[in-house]
Amino acid sequence: MVLDYKALGLKIGIEVHRQIESHKLFCACPSELTDKPFDALVKRTLHAVRSETGQKDLVAEHEAKKGKYAVYEIVHGSSCSVETDEEPVHPINRHALQAVLEVALLLQCNLVDAIQTMRKQVLDFSNTSGFQRTALVALDGKIETQHGKVGIASVCIEEDSARRIRTEPAFTVFRLDRLGIPLIEITTQPDMNTPEQAKEIASYLGMVLKSTGKFKSGIGTIRQDLNVSITGHPRVEIKGVQDLQLIPTVIEKEIIRQQQNIREGKIKSEVRKMQPDGSTTFLRPMPGASRMYVETDHPVIVLEEKFLDSLVLPELLSEKTEQFEKKYNLPPALAREVIAHPLFTKFVEQYTKLETSFIARVLSEIPKDIKTRLHIPTDKLTEQDFAKVFEAYSKETLSKQAATDMLAALAQGHPFDLTKYQMISDTDLEKNIKEIVAKNKGASPGALMGIVMNAYRGKVDGKKVQDLLKKYIS
């Protein structure tokens, strides 16, 4: 189905949350997850009460009616009485605040004069207190794209939630090691009008965060939410959009769902959760505006001119990538992959006989291929492992395929045996291919190619095999 986004009045906004590489936001506990056995448990239930306006919060009432409760696992050393909500918060983590300020300035935002920590109501038990602490840092930024300007509504600093361990029918178990890890929250204006533009902006924001070198990476450290609406349908927030490649799929499926809602007269603003296939399921009603109130346990932070003057903004990776491409003669995609790799420039200087593109591939693309195609974890590959591969290539005649096989073997802890990967001579290869063709008369070129490559995996060059097969098949 081809969708006319302009005719639909499509509006998209993005919220990005990413963990900052530092200790927790309001205490000195480390920002590291642990699988150690827990030392204590805390149980909490939820009650919907009336605010000073005399009204109950609809979301609170919705959650309280479920009659569920939470159990929190406490591991000494990873959380303290701040996380259990039995002690007031400590002064804000200044390193984390500095990281957020840098990003805000890179996004051309206007910094606020004073930072007031607020309490944002959270009713899914992921915070022991029933609220998340958050603070507005900057407003009114912008990103220029090929499709026009996208505004940055706000940049905030906040604390991450507790880690969900398991969900039972009557209760949910959380661990407090993640609660309090500092986060940046970037919220755009709903200025994106196509799914591809939303993908572009999400990618750009990720690049900006990576440019500072002050944010965590990996599974669970970044979360993205989409806000999507079309003419005649209110905003729907979609939680948990992790994969950039899935953003267009999620948006298109939500457009179709909203069109169906309009036809059926079931129009409502709500929060939904993304499923692996890009579809969404109902999560909860859309929170009201009254869920935010002042945190009285933390003083207002005045941004002093001396502190702001000390901020040194990093060069954006997008700009450095262009320089990298020219300096090392790399294609753009490969340059983006290795620009932040700690070993690339070192190996380029050490192994001058090797092509820079080959070194880049071995460090970035080949480990990914081993992990996805061969299902072999590559996280434990060391600098010494890569050095063995480059040393072998600088001294021996090896096929390009051999690099994958060598790293796969090293990733599995096998001894490094170079004799397994040395290429056979051109004379022996031609002789053996001639015999294989003779023994398999009538076989297709593809079948013969498979026989040769399986017999000499990692020891022959594929292009050379193709040329010799053409010679003897004809």
Protein backbone atom coordinates (compact mmCIF):
# COMPACT_ATOMS: atom_id res chain seq x y z
CA MET A 1 0.00 0.00 0.00
CA VAL A 2 1.37 3.42 -1.03
CA LEU A 3 0.61 6.08 1.59
CA ASP A 4 0.33 9.77 0.74
CA TYR A 5 1.88 11.24 3.90
CA LYS A 6 1.12 14.85 2.97
CA ALA A 7 -2.55 14.15 2.30
CA LEU A 8 -2.75 12.21 5.58
CA GLY A 9 -1.35 15.17 7.53
CA LEU A 10 1.28 12.90 9.08
CA LYS A 11 3.15 14.34 12.06
CA ILE A 12 5.98 12.53 13.83
CA GLY A 13 7.98 13.39 16.91
CA ILE A 14 10.80 11.45 18.54
CA GLU A 15 11.90 11.05 22.15
CA VAL A 16 15.37 9.65 22.76
CA HIS A 17 16.57 8.42 26.15
CA ARG A 18 20.18 7.34 26.57
CA GLN A 19 22.25 6.40 29.61
CA ILE A 20 25.21 8.61 30.52
CA GLU A 21 28.57 6.97 31.26
CA SER A 22 28.90 8.00 34.90
CA HIS A 23 27.79 7.07 38.42
CA LYS A 24 24.12 7.44 39.35
CA LEU A 25 22.37 10.79 39.11
CA PHE A 26 21.54 11.44 42.77
CA CYS A 27 23.99 9.21 44.66
CA ALA A 28 27.49 7.76 44.27
CA CYS A 29 26.39 4.19 43.42
CA PRO A 30 27.91 2.79 40.22
CA SER A 31 25.89 2.73 37.00
CA GLU A 32 26.49 -0.94 36.36
CA LEU A 33 24.06 -3.85 36.26
CA THR A 34 24.81 -6.89 38.38
CA ASP A 35 23.69 -10.50 38.42
CA LYS A 36 24.86 -11.10 41.99
CA PRO A 37 22.31 -12.68 44.36
CA PHE A 38 20.14 -10.03 46.02
CA ASP A 39 20.73 -9.12 49.66
CA ALA A 40 17.26 -7.82 50.52
CA LEU A 41 13.74 -7.43 49.14
CA VAL A 42 11.26 -4.55 49.37
CA LYS A 43 7.54 -4.82 48.58
CA ARG A 44 5.43 -1.85 47.39
CA THR A 45 1.76 -1.45 46.44
CA LEU A 46 0.03 1.35 44.52
CA HIS A 47 -2.74 3.63 45.79
CA ALA A 48 -4.63 6.26 43.78
CA VAL A 49 -5.15 9.37 45.90
CA ARG A 50 -6.70 12.77 45.21
CA SER A 51 -4.41 15.68 44.39
CA GLU A 52 -4.77 19.22 45.69
CA THR A 53 -7.28 19.79 42.86
CA GLY A 54 -9.57 17.18 44.43
CA GLN A 55 -9.38 14.85 41.45
CA LYS A 56 -7.83 11.43 41.06
CA ASP A 57 -5.33 10.87 38.27
CA LEU A 58 -6.95 8.67 35.59
CA VAL A 59 -3.76 6.70 34.91
CA ALA A 60 -3.15 6.12 38.63
CA GLU A 61 -6.71 4.91 39.09
CA HIS A 62 -6.38 2.64 36.03
CA GLU A 63 -3.21 1.02 37.41
CA ALA A 64 -4.41 0.79 41.03
CA LYS A 65 -7.53 -1.14 39.99
CA LYS A 66 -5.31 -3.97 38.79
CA GLY A 67 -4.50 -4.77 42.43
CA LYS A 68 -0.90 -5.65 41.62
CA TYR A 69 2.29 -4.98 43.62
CA ALA A 70 6.05 -4.86 43.08
CA VAL A 71 9.01 -6.61 44.67
CA TYR A 72 12.41 -4.89 44.48
CA GLU A 73 15.69 -6.78 44.66
CA ILE A 74 18.51 -4.94 46.43
CA VAL A 75 22.18 -5.77 45.91
CA HIS A 76 24.55 -4.00 48.29
CA GLY A 77 27.00 -1.83 46.40
CA SER A 78 24.76 -1.31 43.37
CA SER A 79 22.03 0.67 45.13
CA CYS A 80 21.47 2.44 48.43
CA SER A 81 18.72 4.03 50.50
CA VAL A 82 18.28 6.74 47.85
CA GLU A 83 17.01 4.07 45.44
CA THR A 84 14.71 2.55 48.07
CA ASP A 85 13.27 6.05 48.66
CA GLU A 86 14.32 6.06 52.33
CA GLU A 87 16.84 8.91 52.03
CA PRO A 88 16.69 12.31 50.28
CA VAL A 89 18.58 12.67 47.02
CA HIS A 90 22.23 13.81 47.03
CA PRO A 91 23.50 16.73 44.89
CA ILE A 92 23.12 16.09 41.16
CA ASN A 93 25.90 14.33 39.26
CA ARG A 94 27.80 17.25 37.68
CA HIS A 95 29.59 15.07 35.10
CA ALA A 96 26.26 13.80 33.85
CA LEU A 97 24.86 17.34 33.76
CA GLN A 98 27.87 18.50 31.75
CA ALA A 99 27.26 15.74 29.16
CA VAL A 100 23.65 16.87 28.74
CA LEU A 101 24.64 20.52 28.43
CA GLU A 102 27.13 19.66 25.67
CA VAL A 103 24.46 17.83 23.68
CA ALA A 104 22.00 20.71 24.15
CA LEU A 105 24.54 23.18 22.76
CA LEU A 106 25.39 20.87 19.84
CA LEU A 107 21.67 20.84 19.02
CA GLN A 108 21.63 24.67 19.06
CA CYS A 109 19.31 24.83 22.06
CA ASN A 110 18.79 27.71 24.46
CA LEU A 111 19.90 26.74 27.97
CA VAL A 112 17.60 27.56 30.88
CA ASP A 113 18.86 30.02 33.48
CA ALA A 114 18.19 27.66 36.38
CA ILE A 115 17.55 23.93 36.55
CA GLN A 116 14.66 22.80 38.77
CA THR A 117 14.38 19.09 39.45
CA MET A 118 10.81 17.84 39.06
CA ARG A 119 8.92 14.68 39.99
CA LYS A 120 7.19 12.97 37.07
CA GLN A 121 4.53 10.49 38.12
CA VAL A 122 5.34 6.88 37.12
CA LEU A 123 2.78 4.19 37.92
CA ASP A 124 4.18 0.97 36.47
CA PHE A 125 6.23 0.26 39.67
CA SER A 126 9.51 0.94 37.83
CA ASN A 127 10.33 3.62 40.46
CA THR A 128 10.10 2.85 44.17
CA SER A 129 8.78 6.34 44.92
CA GLY A 130 6.03 6.36 42.28
CA PHE A 131 7.76 9.16 40.36
CA GLN A 132 10.83 9.77 38.20
CA ARG A 133 13.11 12.73 38.85
CA THR A 134 13.69 14.85 35.77
CA ALA A 135 14.96 18.36 35.05
CA LEU A 136 14.63 20.64 32.05
CA VAL A 137 18.04 21.78 30.78
CA ALA A 138 17.39 23.41 27.40
CA LEU A 139 14.70 24.43 24.89
CA ASP A 140 14.15 25.39 21.27
CA GLY A 141 16.97 23.69 19.39
CA LYS A 142 17.02 22.63 15.75
CA ILE A 143 18.36 20.11 13.27
CA GLU A 144 18.69 20.94 9.60
CA THR A 145 17.79 18.06 7.28
CA GLN A 146 17.38 17.59 3.54
CA HIS A 147 13.60 17.66 4.16
CA GLY A 148 13.66 20.89 6.21
CA LYS A 149 14.23 21.99 9.80
CA VAL A 150 13.19 19.78 12.73
CA GLY A 151 12.83 21.55 16.05
CA ILE A 152 14.17 20.26 19.36
CA ALA A 153 11.42 20.93 21.90
CA SER A 154 13.46 20.14 25.00
CA VAL A 155 16.54 18.46 26.44
CA CYS A 156 16.24 17.04 29.95
CA ILE A 157 18.35 15.11 32.42
CA GLU A 158 16.62 12.37 34.39
CA GLU A 159 17.07 9.10 36.26
CA ASP A 160 16.55 5.68 34.71
CA SER A 161 13.96 3.26 36.07
CA ALA A 162 14.40 -0.01 37.94
CA ARG A 163 15.23 -3.10 35.89
CA ARG A 164 12.34 -5.48 35.27
CA ILE A 165 13.37 -9.06 36.13
CA ARG A 166 10.10 -10.96 35.66
CA THR A 167 6.36 -10.44 35.66
CA GLU A 168 3.95 -12.69 37.51
CA PRO A 169 0.12 -12.49 37.40
CA ALA A 170 -0.09 -10.63 40.73
CA PHE A 171 3.25 -8.83 40.92
CA THR A 172 6.40 -7.71 39.08
CA VAL A 173 9.98 -8.21 40.27
CA PHE A 174 12.45 -5.37 39.69
CA ARG A 175 16.12 -4.92 40.52
CA LEU A 176 17.36 -1.53 41.74
CA ASP A 177 20.77 -1.59 40.04
CA ARG A 178 19.45 0.39 37.06
CA LEU A 179 17.29 2.80 39.06
CA GLY A 180 19.02 6.18 39.20
CA ILE A 181 21.39 5.75 36.25
CA PRO A 182 21.58 9.21 34.62
CA LEU A 183 19.74 9.66 31.32
CA ILE A 184 19.45 12.34 28.71
CA GLU A 185 15.99 12.87 27.24
CA ILE A 186 15.76 14.64 23.88
CA THR A 187 12.28 15.50 22.61
CA THR A 188 11.73 16.81 19.10
CA GLN A 189 8.85 18.85 17.77
CA PRO A 190 6.36 16.90 15.60
CA ASP A 191 8.04 18.36 12.50
CA MET A 192 8.75 15.10 10.67
CA ASN A 193 6.32 14.28 7.89
CA THR A 194 7.70 11.02 6.47
CA PRO A 195 8.94 7.78 8.08
CA GLU A 196 12.33 8.13 6.37
CA GLN A 197 12.80 11.62 7.81
CA ALA A 198 12.10 10.22 11.29
CA LYS A 199 14.73 7.55 10.71
CA GLU A 200 17.20 10.21 9.56
CA ILE A 201 16.62 12.33 12.69
CA ALA A 202 16.95 9.32 15.03
CA SER A 203 20.25 8.45 13.35
CA TYR A 204 21.48 12.05 13.62
CA LEU A 205 20.66 12.25 17.32
CA GLY A 206 22.53 9.00 17.91
CA MET A 207 25.54 10.44 16.09
CA VAL A 208 25.50 13.61 18.23
CA LEU A 209 25.41 11.59 21.46
CA LYS A 210 28.23 9.34 20.26
CA SER A 211 30.31 12.38 19.33
CA THR A 212 30.64 13.42 22.99
CA GLY A 213 32.04 10.05 24.10
CA LYS A 214 30.05 10.41 27.32
CA PHE A 215 27.13 8.04 26.71
CA LYS A 216 26.76 4.32 27.13
CA SER A 217 26.21 2.00 24.18
CA GLY A 218 24.76 -1.46 23.80
CA ILE A 219 21.50 -3.23 24.51
CA GLY A 220 19.33 -1.50 27.10
CA THR A 221 21.29 1.77 27.20
CA ILE A 222 19.16 3.63 24.64
CA ARG A 223 15.39 3.81 24.22
CA GLN A 224 13.43 5.64 21.55
CA ASP A 225 9.75 6.53 21.52
CA LEU A 226 7.71 7.77 18.55
CA ASN A 227 4.78 10.16 18.64
CA VAL A 228 2.58 9.67 15.58
CA SER A 229 -0.66 11.29 14.43
CA ILE A 230 -2.64 11.87 11.24
CA THR A 231 -5.42 14.35 10.53
CA GLY A 232 -8.51 13.37 12.52
CA HIS A 233 -6.60 11.25 15.06
CA PRO A 234 -4.90 12.42 18.28
CA ARG A 235 -1.28 11.70 19.10
CA VAL A 236 -0.26 8.13 19.92
CA GLU A 237 3.02 7.46 21.73
CA ILE A 238 4.85 4.26 20.76
CA LYS A 239 7.33 2.96 23.33
CA GLY A 240 10.40 0.80 22.79
CA VAL A 241 11.41 1.51 19.18
CA GLN A 242 14.99 0.25 19.45
CA ASP A 243 15.98 -0.58 15.88
CA LEU A 244 16.47 2.41 13.53
CA GLN A 245 15.71 0.22 10.53
CA LEU A 246 12.26 -0.57 11.93
CA ILE A 247 11.17 3.06 12.37
CA PRO A 248 9.53 3.37 8.91
CA THR A 249 7.70 0.05 9.40
CA VAL A 250 6.39 1.06 12.83
CA ILE A 251 5.13 4.40 11.55
CA GLU A 252 3.43 2.95 8.48
CA LYS A 253 1.65 0.29 10.54
CA GLU A 254 0.52 2.95 13.01
CA ILE A 255 -0.85 5.10 10.17
CA ILE A 256 -2.91 2.16 8.91
CA ARG A 257 -4.14 1.45 12.46
CA GLN A 258 -5.16 5.09 12.97
CA GLN A 259 -6.99 5.11 9.62
CA GLN A 260 -8.93 2.06 10.78
CA ASN A 261 -9.71 3.80 14.09
CA ILE A 262 -11.13 6.82 12.25
CA ARG A 263 -13.35 4.61 10.07
CA GLU A 264 -14.66 2.77 13.12
CA GLY A 265 -15.04 5.89 15.27
CA LYS A 266 -12.63 4.52 17.94
CA ILE A 267 -10.38 7.54 18.17
CA LYS A 268 -8.28 7.92 21.32
CA SER A 269 -4.89 9.12 22.44
CA GLU A 270 -2.92 6.37 24.15
CA VAL A 271 0.49 4.87 24.83
CA ARG A 272 1.36 1.70 22.90
CA LYS A 273 4.28 -0.73 22.95
CA MET A 274 6.15 -1.85 19.84
CA GLN A 275 6.26 -5.57 19.02
CA PRO A 276 9.15 -7.29 17.17
CA ASP A 277 7.34 -7.13 13.82
CA GLY A 278 6.74 -3.38 14.07
CA SER A 279 3.10 -3.62 15.15
CA THR A 280 1.96 -2.18 18.49
CA THR A 281 -0.20 -3.21 21.47
CA PHE A 282 -2.03 -1.07 24.03
CA LEU A 283 0.10 -0.20 27.06
CA ARG A 284 -1.81 2.48 29.02
CA PRO A 285 -3.88 5.66 28.65
CA MET A 286 -2.02 8.83 27.69
CA PRO A 287 -0.83 10.57 30.90
CA GLY A 288 -2.33 13.92 31.80
CA ALA A 289 -0.42 17.19 32.06
CA SER A 290 -0.73 17.27 35.86
CA ARG A 291 1.69 14.38 36.44
CA MET A 292 4.69 16.73 37.02
CA TYR A 293 5.44 18.60 40.24
CA VAL A 294 8.44 20.12 42.03
CA GLU A 295 11.07 17.96 43.74
CA THR A 296 11.48 19.65 47.12
CA ASP A 297 14.50 17.57 48.21
CA HIS A 298 16.88 19.06 45.64
CA PRO A 299 17.88 22.74 45.33
CA VAL A 300 17.58 24.76 42.13
CA ILE A 301 20.80 24.69 40.08
CA VAL A 302 21.89 28.05 38.71
CA LEU A 303 24.06 27.67 35.61
CA GLU A 304 27.01 29.89 36.41
CA GLU A 305 28.86 31.60 33.57
CA LYS A 306 32.18 30.15 34.74
CA PHE A 307 30.82 26.61 34.53
CA LEU A 308 29.33 27.17 31.07
CA ASP A 309 32.59 28.70 29.81
CA SER A 310 34.42 25.52 30.86
CA LEU A 311 32.38 23.41 28.44
CA VAL A 312 34.35 22.30 25.38
CA LEU A 313 32.13 21.03 22.58
CA PRO A 314 33.43 18.01 20.65
CA GLU A 315 33.67 17.80 16.89
CA LEU A 316 30.67 15.96 15.45
CA LEU A 317 31.37 12.48 14.15
CA SER A 318 29.67 13.38 10.87
CA GLU A 319 32.34 16.02 10.27
CA LYS A 320 35.16 13.75 11.41
CA THR A 321 33.88 10.99 9.14
CA GLU A 322 34.43 13.12 6.03
CA GLN A 323 38.02 13.74 7.11
CA PHE A 324 38.46 10.02 7.83
CA GLU A 325 37.20 9.07 4.38
CA LYS A 326 39.78 11.28 2.68
CA LYS A 327 42.69 10.50 5.00
CA TYR A 328 42.32 6.71 4.92
CA ASN A 329 40.61 6.30 1.53
CA LEU A 330 37.55 4.61 3.03
CA PRO A 331 33.97 4.43 1.73
CA PRO A 332 31.53 6.49 3.90
CA ALA A 333 29.81 3.49 5.54
CA LEU A 334 33.12 1.89 6.54
CA ALA A 335 34.50 5.20 7.80
CA ARG A 336 31.45 5.63 10.08
CA GLU A 337 32.02 2.14 11.47
CA VAL A 338 35.68 2.56 12.47
CA ILE A 339 35.98 6.27 13.23
CA ALA A 340 35.51 5.64 16.94
CA HIS A 341 37.27 2.25 17.01
CA PRO A 342 40.19 2.51 19.46
CA LEU A 343 42.43 0.16 17.42
CA PHE A 344 41.97 1.35 13.84
CA THR A 345 44.58 4.13 13.64
CA LYS A 346 47.01 2.07 15.71
CA PHE A 347 46.88 -0.89 13.32
CA VAL A 348 47.01 1.37 10.24
CA GLU A 349 50.27 2.86 11.52
CA GLN A 350 51.62 -0.56 12.54
CA TYR A 351 50.76 -2.54 9.38
CA THR A 352 51.57 -0.12 6.56
CA LYS A 353 51.62 -2.88 3.90
CA LEU A 354 47.93 -3.68 4.46
CA GLU A 355 45.12 -1.75 2.82
CA THR A 356 43.32 0.57 5.24
CA SER A 357 39.94 -0.71 3.99
CA PHE A 358 40.97 -4.28 4.83
CA ILE A 359 41.99 -3.27 8.38
CA ALA A 360 38.66 -1.45 8.77
CA ARG A 361 36.69 -4.50 7.58
CA VAL A 362 38.50 -6.87 9.93
CA LEU A 363 37.82 -4.60 12.92
CA SER A 364 34.19 -3.73 12.19
CA GLU A 365 32.39 -5.77 9.53
CA ILE A 366 33.90 -9.24 9.98
CA PRO A 367 33.12 -9.52 13.74
CA LYS A 368 29.49 -8.56 12.98
CA ASP A 369 29.33 -11.18 10.22
CA ILE A 370 30.69 -13.87 12.55
CA LYS A 371 28.13 -12.94 15.20
CA THR A 372 25.07 -12.78 12.92
CA ARG A 373 25.81 -15.43 10.30
CA LEU A 374 27.85 -17.97 12.29
CA HIS A 375 26.16 -17.21 15.65
CA ILE A 376 29.54 -17.01 17.40
CA PRO A 377 29.92 -14.28 20.09
CA THR A 378 32.81 -11.93 19.29
CA ASP A 379 32.74 -9.77 22.43
CA LYS A 380 35.85 -11.44 23.85
CA LEU A 381 38.10 -10.85 20.83
CA THR A 382 41.14 -8.94 22.09
CA GLU A 383 43.66 -6.55 20.58
CA GLN A 384 46.12 -9.47 20.50
CA ASP A 385 43.65 -11.57 18.48
CA PHE A 386 43.31 -8.89 15.81
CA ALA A 387 47.08 -8.36 15.84
CA LYS A 388 47.61 -12.07 15.07
CA VAL A 389 45.41 -11.78 11.99
CA PHE A 390 47.12 -8.64 10.71
CA GLU A 391 50.56 -10.07 11.41
CA ALA A 392 49.67 -13.18 9.42
CA TYR A 393 48.46 -11.11 6.46
CA SER A 394 51.55 -8.91 6.50
CA LYS A 395 53.84 -11.97 6.21
CA GLU A 396 51.84 -14.70 4.44
CA THR A 397 49.66 -15.16 1.36
CA LEU A 398 46.14 -15.59 2.70
CA SER A 399 42.69 -15.33 1.15
CA LYS A 400 40.24 -12.68 2.32
CA GLN A 401 37.93 -15.44 3.62
CA ALA A 402 40.70 -16.61 5.95
CA ALA A 403 40.29 -13.49 8.12
CA THR A 404 36.73 -14.53 8.98
CA ASP A 405 37.77 -18.11 9.74
CA MET A 406 40.74 -17.05 11.86
CA LEU A 407 38.71 -14.60 13.96
CA ALA A 408 35.86 -17.11 14.34
CA ALA A 409 38.35 -19.68 15.67
CA LEU A 410 39.93 -17.17 18.04
CA ALA A 411 36.48 -16.05 19.26
CA GLN A 412 35.78 -19.66 20.24
CA GLY A 413 39.06 -19.94 22.13
CA HIS A 414 40.80 -22.23 19.62
CA PRO A 415 44.62 -22.05 19.28
CA PHE A 416 45.90 -19.91 16.45
CA ASP A 417 47.16 -22.28 13.72
CA LEU A 418 48.24 -20.39 10.61
CA THR A 419 48.85 -23.57 8.59
CA LYS A 420 45.09 -24.07 8.34
CA TYR A 421 44.68 -20.86 6.36
CA GLN A 422 47.69 -20.62 4.02
CA MET A 423 46.59 -20.39 0.39
CA ILE A 424 47.51 -23.18 -2.00
CA SER A 425 49.72 -22.29 -4.96
CA ASP A 426 48.22 -21.20 -8.29
CA THR A 427 49.70 -24.29 -9.95
CA ASP A 428 48.13 -26.71 -7.47
CA LEU A 429 44.81 -24.85 -7.56
CA GLU A 430 44.55 -25.02 -11.34
CA LYS A 431 45.49 -28.72 -11.35
CA ASN A 432 42.88 -29.55 -8.70
CA ILE A 433 40.11 -27.54 -10.40
CA LYS A 434 40.82 -29.32 -13.68
CA GLU A 435 40.37 -32.68 -11.88
CA ILE A 436 37.16 -31.53 -10.11
CA VAL A 437 35.61 -30.43 -13.43
CA ALA A 438 36.52 -33.76 -15.02
CA LYS A 439 35.00 -35.78 -12.15
CA ASN A 440 31.76 -33.72 -12.13
CA LYS A 441 30.85 -33.52 -15.81
CA GLY A 442 27.51 -31.83 -16.39
CA ALA A 443 27.55 -29.97 -13.04
CA SER A 444 26.56 -26.30 -13.15
CA PRO A 445 29.17 -23.58 -12.60
CA GLY A 446 27.54 -22.76 -9.26
CA ALA A 447 27.73 -26.36 -8.08
CA LEU A 448 31.38 -26.63 -9.13
CA MET A 449 32.15 -23.36 -7.36
CA GLY A 450 30.61 -24.76 -4.18
CA ILE A 451 32.67 -27.97 -4.40
CA VAL A 452 35.94 -26.06 -4.81
CA MET A 453 35.24 -23.50 -2.08
CA ASN A 454 34.16 -26.19 0.39
CA ALA A 455 37.29 -28.19 -0.32
CA TYR A 456 39.63 -25.22 0.12
CA ARG A 457 37.68 -22.95 2.46
CA GLY A 458 39.81 -19.97 3.43
CA LYS A 459 42.74 -21.11 1.27
CA VAL A 460 41.69 -19.89 -2.18
CA ASP A 461 40.57 -16.64 -3.73
CA GLY A 462 36.98 -16.81 -5.00
CA LYS A 463 37.60 -14.64 -8.07
CA LYS A 464 40.54 -16.83 -9.09
CA VAL A 465 38.40 -19.96 -8.72
CA GLN A 466 35.68 -18.44 -10.92
CA ASP A 467 38.18 -17.60 -13.67
CA LEU A 468 39.69 -21.09 -13.66
CA LEU A 469 36.27 -22.77 -13.73
CA LYS A 470 35.29 -20.72 -16.78
CA LYS A 471 38.50 -21.82 -18.45
CA TYR A 472 37.91 -25.56 -17.97
CA ILE A 473 34.10 -25.68 -18.23
CA SER A 474 34.26 -24.12 -21.70
